[in-house]
Amino acid sequence: MGQRRLGNRLKEVRTARGLTQTDLAVLVGVSRKTINTVENAVFVPSTILALTLAETLGTTVEELFFVIADGVELSARPKLRSVRWRGA
C-alpha cells in the first residue's frame, strides 16, 4: 500500500463562511496556529477537534477531511450500489 495522508478542505470552508483563522480559533477554543497547522496538513486534529470544527462550520467531518493515497483523493463516503432484494 502506498503513502497515505489526511487532506482537508478547512480553509475553503472557513473562508466561504467569512471567517479568519483567528475567528475560527476563538469559536473552537484553540489557537490560530492550531487552525493554521491543520489547514496546511502539518497537524492531524484529534477526533474531538475534527468534530468540533465540522459542527462549528455547519458541515460534516467527511466533508472537511479526506484521505490522500498515492496523490489521489479518496472520499470517506462509501459509494452506494443497488442491491436487489430477493425475499426469504
Protein backbone atom coordinates (compact mmCIF):
# COMPACT_ATOMS: atom_id res chain seq x y z
CA MET A 1 0.00 0.00 0.00
CA GLY A 2 1.31 3.43 -0.93
CA GLN A 3 1.74 6.55 1.13
CA ARG A 4 -1.43 7.87 2.80
CA ARG A 5 -2.08 11.20 4.45
CA LEU A 6 -5.02 13.26 5.65
CA GLY A 7 -6.15 16.13 3.46
CA ASN A 8 -8.73 18.76 4.30
CA ARG A 9 -10.97 21.49 2.96
CA LEU A 10 -10.82 23.54 6.15
CA LYS A 11 -9.52 26.75 4.58
CA GLU A 12 -12.02 26.53 1.72
CA VAL A 13 -14.98 26.05 4.08
CA ARG A 14 -13.72 28.60 6.62
CA THR A 15 -13.27 31.34 4.03
CA ALA A 16 -16.65 30.52 2.43
CA ARG A 17 -18.17 31.24 5.86
CA GLY A 18 -16.33 34.57 6.00
CA LEU A 19 -14.15 33.56 8.94
CA THR A 20 -10.49 34.27 9.57
CA GLN A 21 -8.23 31.71 11.20
CA THR A 22 -8.46 33.77 14.39
CA ASP A 23 -12.28 33.87 14.24
CA LEU A 24 -12.47 30.09 13.89
CA ALA A 25 -9.87 29.54 16.59
CA VAL A 26 -11.89 31.62 19.06
CA LEU A 27 -15.12 29.80 18.17
CA VAL A 28 -13.50 26.39 18.58
CA GLY A 29 -11.31 27.23 21.58
CA VAL A 30 -7.87 26.61 20.09
CA SER A 31 -5.02 28.83 18.94
CA ARG A 32 -4.83 30.43 15.49
CA LYS A 33 -1.63 28.44 14.98
CA THR A 34 -3.57 25.18 15.51
CA ILE A 35 -6.04 26.18 12.79
CA ASN A 36 -3.14 27.11 10.51
CA THR A 37 -1.29 23.83 11.03
CA VAL A 38 -4.44 21.79 10.43
CA GLU A 39 -5.20 23.73 7.23
CA ASN A 40 -1.66 23.13 5.98
CA ALA A 41 -1.76 19.41 6.86
CA VAL A 42 1.13 19.81 9.31
CA PHE A 43 -1.05 18.66 12.23
CA VAL A 44 -3.72 15.94 12.17
CA PRO A 45 -6.52 17.03 14.51
CA SER A 46 -7.92 14.83 17.24
CA THR A 47 -11.35 13.33 16.67
CA ILE A 48 -12.86 15.83 19.11
CA LEU A 49 -11.28 18.79 17.30
CA ALA A 50 -12.35 17.46 13.88
CA LEU A 51 -15.93 17.04 15.11
CA THR A 52 -15.91 20.49 16.73
CA LEU A 53 -14.57 22.12 13.57
CA ALA A 54 -17.25 20.44 11.46
CA GLU A 55 -20.03 21.39 13.86
CA THR A 56 -18.82 24.99 14.12
CA LEU A 57 -18.62 25.31 10.33
CA GLY A 58 -22.01 23.67 9.81
CA THR A 59 -20.69 20.69 7.87
CA THR A 60 -19.55 17.12 8.45
CA VAL A 61 -16.17 15.61 9.20
CA GLU A 62 -16.47 13.69 5.93
CA GLU A 63 -16.81 16.96 4.01
CA LEU A 64 -13.85 18.58 5.81
CA PHE A 65 -11.35 15.72 5.82
CA PHE A 66 -10.33 13.03 3.35
CA VAL A 67 -7.51 10.55 2.74
CA ILE A 68 -4.94 11.09 0.02
CA ALA A 69 -3.31 7.86 -1.15
CA ASP A 70 -0.55 7.96 -3.74
CA GLY A 71 -1.58 11.51 -4.63
CA VAL A 72 -5.24 10.60 -5.20
CA GLU A 73 -8.06 11.92 -3.01
CA LEU A 74 -10.17 9.13 -1.56
CA SER A 75 -13.67 10.00 -0.42
CA ALA A 76 -14.63 8.97 3.10
CA ARG A 77 -18.18 8.33 1.94
CA PRO A 78 -18.73 4.87 0.55
CA LYS A 79 -20.25 4.61 -2.88
CA LEU A 80 -23.68 3.04 -2.61
CA ARG A 81 -24.68 0.36 -5.01
CA SER A 82 -28.08 -1.02 -5.79
CA VAL A 83 -28.93 -4.25 -4.06
CA ARG A 84 -31.81 -6.32 -5.27
CA TRP A 85 -33.94 -7.81 -2.51
CA ARG A 86 -34.63 -11.47 -3.06
CA GLY A 87 -37.12 -12.13 -0.23
CA ALA A 88 -36.83 -15.14 2.02
